[in-house]
N, C-alpha and C. Protein backbone atom coordinates (compact mmCIF):
# COMPACT_ATOMS: atom_id res chain seq x y z
N MET A 1 17.55 1.53 -10.33
CA MET A 1 16.54 -0.36 -10.16
C MET A 1 15.56 -0.69 -9.31
N SER A 2 16.33 -0.35 -8.14
CA SER A 2 15.04 -1.69 -6.99
C SER A 2 14.64 -0.58 -6.05
N ALA A 3 14.34 0.70 -6.51
CA ALA A 3 12.95 1.55 -6.30
C ALA A 3 12.09 0.66 -6.78
N PRO A 4 11.49 0.76 -8.20
CA PRO A 4 10.35 0.02 -8.48
C PRO A 4 10.59 -1.57 -8.36
N ALA A 5 11.76 -2.52 -7.76
CA ALA A 5 10.81 -3.88 -8.07
C ALA A 5 10.40 -3.75 -6.51
N LEU A 6 11.00 -2.81 -5.27
CA LEU A 6 10.83 -2.83 -3.97
C LEU A 6 9.33 -1.83 -3.79
N ALA A 7 8.97 -1.50 -4.54
CA ALA A 7 7.71 -0.35 -4.70
C ALA A 7 6.20 -1.63 -4.39
N ALA A 8 6.94 -2.56 -5.91
CA ALA A 8 5.80 -3.30 -6.43
C ALA A 8 5.79 -4.48 -5.71
N LEU A 9 6.90 -4.34 -5.49
CA LEU A 9 6.74 -5.91 -3.62
C LEU A 9 5.46 -5.43 -2.46
N GLY A 10 6.09 -4.16 -2.60
CA GLY A 10 4.73 -2.85 -1.22
C GLY A 10 3.54 -3.13 -1.89
N VAL A 11 3.13 -2.48 -3.30
CA VAL A 11 1.52 -2.25 -3.11
C VAL A 11 1.97 -3.69 -3.37
N TYR A 12 2.67 -4.83 -3.90
CA TYR A 12 1.29 -5.90 -3.89
C TYR A 12 0.78 -6.62 -2.29
N GLY A 13 2.50 -6.08 -1.71
CA GLY A 13 1.93 -7.03 -0.51
C GLY A 13 0.60 -5.84 0.29
N GLY A 14 -0.41 -4.82 0.22
CA GLY A 14 -0.91 -3.95 1.04
C GLY A 14 -1.44 -4.26 -0.12
N THR A 15 -1.47 -5.04 -1.42
CA THR A 15 -3.27 -4.95 -2.21
C THR A 15 -3.61 -6.69 -1.30
N ALA A 16 -2.27 -7.32 -1.46
CA ALA A 16 -3.51 -8.57 -1.14
C ALA A 16 -3.51 -8.34 0.18
N TRP A 17 -2.93 -7.84 0.92
CA TRP A 17 -3.68 -7.46 2.56
C TRP A 17 -4.58 -6.79 2.88
N THR A 18 -5.36 -5.42 1.97
CA THR A 18 -6.28 -5.03 1.78
C THR A 18 -7.67 -6.13 1.51
N ILE A 19 -7.68 -7.15 0.66
CA ILE A 19 -7.94 -7.74 0.01
C ILE A 19 -8.82 -8.94 1.23
N ARG A 20 -7.44 -9.53 1.51
CA ARG A 20 -7.73 -10.63 3.08
C ARG A 20 -8.71 -9.24 3.77
N SER A 21 -7.94 -8.53 4.54
CA SER A 21 -8.86 -7.47 5.25
C SER A 21 -10.37 -7.44 5.23
N TRP A 22 -10.56 -7.07 3.84
CA TRP A 22 -12.00 -6.78 3.34
C TRP A 22 -12.92 -7.84 3.27
N ALA A 23 -12.54 -9.03 2.91
CA ALA A 23 -13.10 -10.66 2.36
C ALA A 23 -14.81 -10.75 3.32
N THR A 24 -14.40 -10.50 3.97
CA THR A 24 -15.59 -10.92 4.73
C THR A 24 -16.93 -9.85 4.92
N CYS A 25 -16.41 -9.09 4.23
CA CYS A 25 -17.84 -7.88 4.44
C CYS A 25 -18.36 -7.73 1.86
N PRO A 26 -20.37 -7.96 2.40
CA PRO A 26 -20.24 -8.12 1.29
C PRO A 26 -20.49 -6.63 -0.40
N LEU A 27 -20.05 -5.89 0.96
CA LEU A 27 -19.79 -4.72 0.75
C LEU A 27 -18.64 -4.89 -0.20
N GLY A 28 -17.63 -4.90 0.44
CA GLY A 28 -16.25 -4.98 0.18
C GLY A 28 -15.42 -4.79 -0.80
N ASN A 29 -14.61 -4.96 -1.12
CA ASN A 29 -14.05 -4.29 -2.84
C ASN A 29 -13.44 -5.99 -3.13
N ASP A 30 -14.31 -7.46 -2.30
CA ASP A 30 -14.63 -8.98 -2.53
C ASP A 30 -15.68 -8.46 -4.22
N ALA A 31 -16.62 -7.21 -3.42
CA ALA A 31 -17.78 -7.84 -4.09
C ALA A 31 -18.13 -7.28 -5.85
N SER A 32 -16.72 -6.62 -6.56
CA SER A 32 -16.51 -6.67 -7.53
C SER A 32 -15.18 -7.49 -8.25
N ASN A 33 -14.41 -8.87 -7.60
CA ASN A 33 -13.62 -9.03 -7.55
C ASN A 33 -11.96 -8.54 -7.46
N ASN A 34 -12.46 -7.31 -6.99
CA ASN A 34 -10.76 -6.78 -6.41
C ASN A 34 -10.87 -6.28 -7.92
N ILE A 35 -11.37 -5.43 -9.13
CA ILE A 35 -11.27 -4.94 -9.96
C ILE A 35 -11.17 -3.49 -9.45
N GLY A 36 -11.21 -2.55 -8.47
CA GLY A 36 -11.45 -1.63 -8.04
C GLY A 36 -9.48 -1.20 -7.71
N LEU A 37 -9.60 -2.27 -7.04
CA LEU A 37 -7.99 -2.58 -6.55
C LEU A 37 -6.72 -2.29 -7.45
N GLN A 38 -7.07 -3.09 -9.03
CA GLN A 38 -6.59 -3.51 -9.04
C GLN A 38 -6.26 -2.57 -10.14
N MET A 39 -7.36 -2.60 -10.46
CA MET A 39 -6.68 -0.71 -11.41
C MET A 39 -6.07 -0.03 -10.94
N MET A 40 -6.00 0.40 -9.45
CA MET A 40 -5.50 1.25 -8.46
C MET A 40 -4.08 0.94 -8.97
N MET A 41 -3.64 -0.12 -8.78
CA MET A 41 -2.23 -0.96 -7.78
C MET A 41 -1.10 -0.20 -9.34
N PRO A 42 -1.73 0.41 -10.16
CA PRO A 42 -0.97 1.24 -11.09
C PRO A 42 -0.15 2.26 -10.49
N VAL A 43 -1.64 3.09 -10.01
CA VAL A 43 -1.27 4.32 -9.64
C VAL A 43 -0.83 4.87 -8.43
N VAL A 44 -0.94 3.37 -7.16
CA VAL A 44 0.07 3.48 -5.82
C VAL A 44 1.24 2.85 -6.33
N TRP A 45 1.61 2.46 -7.21
CA TRP A 45 3.23 2.28 -7.97
C TRP A 45 3.82 3.06 -8.12
N LEU A 46 3.33 4.52 -9.00
CA LEU A 46 4.29 4.90 -9.67
C LEU A 46 4.08 6.49 -8.74
N CYS A 47 3.38 6.03 -7.10
CA CYS A 47 3.08 7.01 -6.22
C CYS A 47 4.35 6.84 -5.33
N MET A 48 4.20 5.21 -4.87
CA MET A 48 5.49 4.71 -3.90
C MET A 48 6.86 4.84 -4.65
N THR A 49 6.90 4.39 -6.23
CA THR A 49 8.44 4.48 -6.56
C THR A 49 8.37 6.13 -6.38
N LEU A 50 8.22 6.80 -6.57
CA LEU A 50 8.23 8.11 -6.86
C LEU A 50 9.12 8.59 -5.28
N LEU A 51 8.36 8.61 -4.14
CA LEU A 51 8.88 8.18 -3.36
C LEU A 51 10.11 7.92 -2.39
N LEU A 52 10.58 6.69 -2.89
CA LEU A 52 11.44 5.85 -2.66
C LEU A 52 12.97 6.13 -3.50
N LEU A 53 12.46 7.22 -4.84
CA LEU A 53 13.51 7.11 -5.56
C LEU A 53 14.58 8.62 -5.49
N PRO A 54 14.35 9.40 -4.52
CA PRO A 54 15.45 10.16 -4.03
C PRO A 54 16.33 9.19 -3.43
N PHE A 55 15.92 8.46 -2.01
CA PHE A 55 16.77 7.70 -1.29
C PHE A 55 17.93 7.65 -2.04
N PRO A 56 17.98 6.10 -2.32
CA PRO A 56 18.78 6.26 -3.23
C PRO A 56 20.07 6.98 -3.96
N LEU A 57 19.08 7.76 -4.51
CA LEU A 57 20.08 8.84 -5.28
C LEU A 57 21.26 9.57 -4.43
N THR A 58 20.25 10.02 -2.31
CA THR A 58 20.84 10.30 -2.35
C THR A 58 21.51 10.37 -1.11
N LEU A 59 21.37 8.41 -0.89
CA LEU A 59 22.85 7.74 -0.34
C LEU A 59 23.57 7.74 -0.73
N ARG A 60 23.52 7.04 -2.54
CA ARG A 60 24.58 7.26 -3.04
C ARG A 60 25.93 8.59 -3.15
N ARG A 61 25.12 9.85 -3.61
CA ARG A 61 26.20 10.87 -3.42
C ARG A 61 26.96 10.79 -2.25
N ARG A 62 26.82 10.51 -1.29
CA ARG A 62 27.18 10.96 -0.05
C ARG A 62 27.49 9.79 0.90
N THR A 63 29.10 9.03 1.38
CA THR A 63 29.28 8.59 1.63
C THR A 63 29.24 7.65 3.12
N LEU A 64 28.74 6.94 3.16
CA LEU A 64 28.60 6.46 3.80
C LEU A 64 29.10 5.11 5.13
N ARG A 65 29.31 5.23 6.35
CA ARG A 65 29.95 4.22 7.27
C ARG A 65 29.76 2.54 6.74
N GLY A 66 28.35 2.23 7.09
CA GLY A 66 27.11 0.87 6.11
C GLY A 66 27.65 0.61 4.39
N GLY A 67 27.73 1.57 3.87
CA GLY A 67 28.00 1.48 2.31
C GLY A 67 26.37 0.80 1.72
N GLN A 68 25.84 -0.01 1.07
CA GLN A 68 25.45 -0.97 0.35
C GLN A 68 24.47 -1.46 0.44
N PRO A 69 25.05 -2.16 1.73
CA PRO A 69 23.95 -2.65 3.18
C PRO A 69 23.09 -1.81 3.80
N LEU A 70 23.51 -0.53 3.78
CA LEU A 70 22.89 0.06 4.62
C LEU A 70 22.03 0.60 3.65
N LEU A 71 22.56 0.87 2.80
CA LEU A 71 20.48 1.44 1.17
C LEU A 71 20.47 0.74 0.99
N TRP A 72 19.83 -0.10 1.09
CA TRP A 72 19.26 -0.95 0.83
C TRP A 72 18.88 -1.88 2.63
N LEU A 73 18.95 -1.14 4.13
CA LEU A 73 18.41 -1.08 4.86
C LEU A 73 16.87 -0.27 4.82
N VAL A 74 17.91 1.48 4.02
CA VAL A 74 17.38 2.06 4.72
C VAL A 74 16.31 1.98 3.01
N LEU A 75 16.00 1.15 2.27
CA LEU A 75 15.21 1.03 1.38
C LEU A 75 14.16 0.44 2.23
N LEU A 76 14.83 -0.85 2.76
CA LEU A 76 12.99 -1.95 3.06
C LEU A 76 12.73 -1.13 3.88
N VAL A 77 13.44 0.23 4.82
CA VAL A 77 12.31 0.28 6.33
C VAL A 77 11.62 1.22 5.20
N VAL A 78 12.12 1.52 4.42
CA VAL A 78 10.58 3.40 3.57
C VAL A 78 9.73 2.78 3.33
N VAL A 79 9.71 1.16 2.26
CA VAL A 79 8.85 0.37 2.06
C VAL A 79 7.80 0.12 2.17
N VAL A 80 8.16 -0.51 3.95
CA VAL A 80 7.77 -1.15 4.24
C VAL A 80 6.86 0.05 4.79
N ALA A 81 7.08 1.16 5.83
CA ALA A 81 6.08 2.18 6.05
C ALA A 81 5.30 2.78 5.20
N LEU A 82 5.62 2.47 3.92
CA LEU A 82 4.70 2.82 2.91
C LEU A 82 3.49 2.14 2.92
N THR A 83 3.92 0.90 2.52
CA THR A 83 3.05 0.12 2.74
C THR A 83 2.09 -0.01 3.78
N LEU A 84 3.21 0.07 5.39
CA LEU A 84 2.02 0.25 6.37
C LEU A 84 0.62 1.41 5.85
N LEU A 85 1.56 2.60 5.20
CA LEU A 85 0.44 3.08 4.86
C LEU A 85 -1.07 3.54 3.99
N TYR A 86 0.26 2.98 3.13
CA TYR A 86 -0.73 2.66 2.02
C TYR A 86 -2.23 1.46 2.50
N ARG A 87 -1.13 0.96 4.16
CA ARG A 87 -3.10 -0.27 3.81
C ARG A 87 -3.88 0.84 5.02
N LEU A 88 -2.69 0.69 5.77
CA LEU A 88 -4.01 1.94 6.82
C LEU A 88 -5.12 3.30 5.77
N GLY A 89 -4.87 3.00 5.25
CA GLY A 89 -5.01 4.51 4.06
C GLY A 89 -6.78 3.73 3.54
N MET A 90 -6.48 2.49 3.42
CA MET A 90 -7.73 1.69 2.79
C MET A 90 -8.92 0.86 4.15
N GLY A 91 -8.27 1.55 5.95
CA GLY A 91 -9.51 0.87 7.08
C GLY A 91 -9.71 -0.18 6.26
N TRP A 92 -10.75 -0.08 7.43
CA TRP A 92 -11.39 -2.00 8.15
C TRP A 92 -12.81 -1.54 7.91
N PRO A 93 -13.31 -2.94 7.55
CA PRO A 93 -14.59 -2.84 7.56
C PRO A 93 -15.93 -3.01 8.77
N ASP A 94 -16.16 -2.05 9.02
CA ASP A 94 -17.58 -1.71 9.83
C ASP A 94 -18.24 -2.61 10.18
N HIS A 95 -18.39 -3.79 11.13
CA HIS A 95 -19.25 -5.18 11.76
C HIS A 95 -19.99 -4.74 12.97
N PRO A 96 -20.65 -4.12 12.58
CA PRO A 96 -21.68 -4.24 13.38
C PRO A 96 -22.14 -5.04 14.60
N PRO A 97 -22.69 -5.13 15.44
CA PRO A 97 -23.40 -6.19 16.67
C PRO A 97 -24.30 -7.39 15.72
N GLY A 98 -24.83 -7.56 15.49
CA GLY A 98 -25.37 -8.50 15.26
C GLY A 98 -25.83 -8.40 13.75
N GLY A 99 -25.02 -7.19 12.92
CA GLY A 99 -25.80 -6.77 11.13
C GLY A 99 -24.31 -7.58 10.31
N PRO A 100 -24.37 -7.80 8.87
CA PRO A 100 -23.69 -7.82 7.72
C PRO A 100 -22.57 -6.72 7.94
N CYS A 101 -22.03 -5.85 7.12
CA CYS A 101 -20.89 -5.50 7.22
C CYS A 101 -21.80 -4.75 6.12
N VAL A 102 -22.05 -3.25 6.57
CA VAL A 102 -23.05 -2.57 5.56
C VAL A 102 -21.77 -1.40 4.93
N GLU A 103 -20.07 -0.80 5.26
CA GLU A 103 -19.71 -0.46 4.97
C GLU A 103 -18.39 -0.37 4.34
N SER A 104 -18.37 0.28 2.57
CA SER A 104 -17.55 0.02 1.54
C SER A 104 -15.75 0.85 1.87
N TYR A 105 -14.65 -0.22 1.16
CA TYR A 105 -13.58 0.77 1.01
C TYR A 105 -13.59 1.09 0.20
N PRO A 106 -12.25 2.51 0.97
CA PRO A 106 -12.49 4.17 0.27
C PRO A 106 -12.04 3.88 -0.84
N LEU A 107 -12.68 4.48 -1.82
CA LEU A 107 -12.23 4.88 -3.31
C LEU A 107 -10.60 5.20 -3.91
N PHE A 108 -10.59 5.55 -2.60
CA PHE A 108 -9.16 5.90 -2.76
C PHE A 108 -8.00 6.09 -1.90
N PRO A 109 -7.24 5.34 -1.09
CA PRO A 109 -5.76 5.84 0.13
C PRO A 109 -6.32 6.64 0.16
N PHE A 110 -5.95 6.83 1.64
CA PHE A 110 -5.66 8.46 2.55
C PHE A 110 -6.78 9.48 1.96
N THR A 111 -7.92 8.89 1.48
CA THR A 111 -9.20 10.35 1.18
C THR A 111 -10.61 10.28 2.65
N GLY A 112 -10.36 9.05 2.84
CA GLY A 112 -11.36 8.94 4.12
C GLY A 112 -12.60 8.34 3.81
N GLY A 113 -12.62 8.63 2.34
CA GLY A 113 -14.07 8.35 1.21
C GLY A 113 -14.60 6.95 1.61
N THR A 114 -16.03 6.30 1.74
CA THR A 114 -16.10 5.90 1.49
C THR A 114 -16.87 5.17 -0.36
N GLY A 115 -16.75 4.05 -0.82
CA GLY A 115 -17.41 4.30 -2.11
C GLY A 115 -19.15 3.44 -1.55
N LEU A 116 -19.49 4.18 -1.33
CA LEU A 116 -21.03 4.06 -0.96
C LEU A 116 -22.16 5.38 -1.29
């Protein structure tokens, strides 16, 4: 039950970080009122939830010395890692010297392709 909630927090945090990073770019994700990112959030949430689900199921089958606190710690570390991976996949705007930002954000995380 905790995996979907933690995934939602991770996706929200990664998306907010992306929006803030691209706010100065005229062709960034703020050009369309963040519609692309908002529509992508459920897909990223589903992917992150599916990646998180095996951890509590596996850790509950094995008795660990840390018990429930260790399970939460593992889940938090995995959520932070997935959020950082999501944010890194979205890239940063390129501000050439003496000119405005000319790149767009990736169409989908981790693809490397831009929306231009």
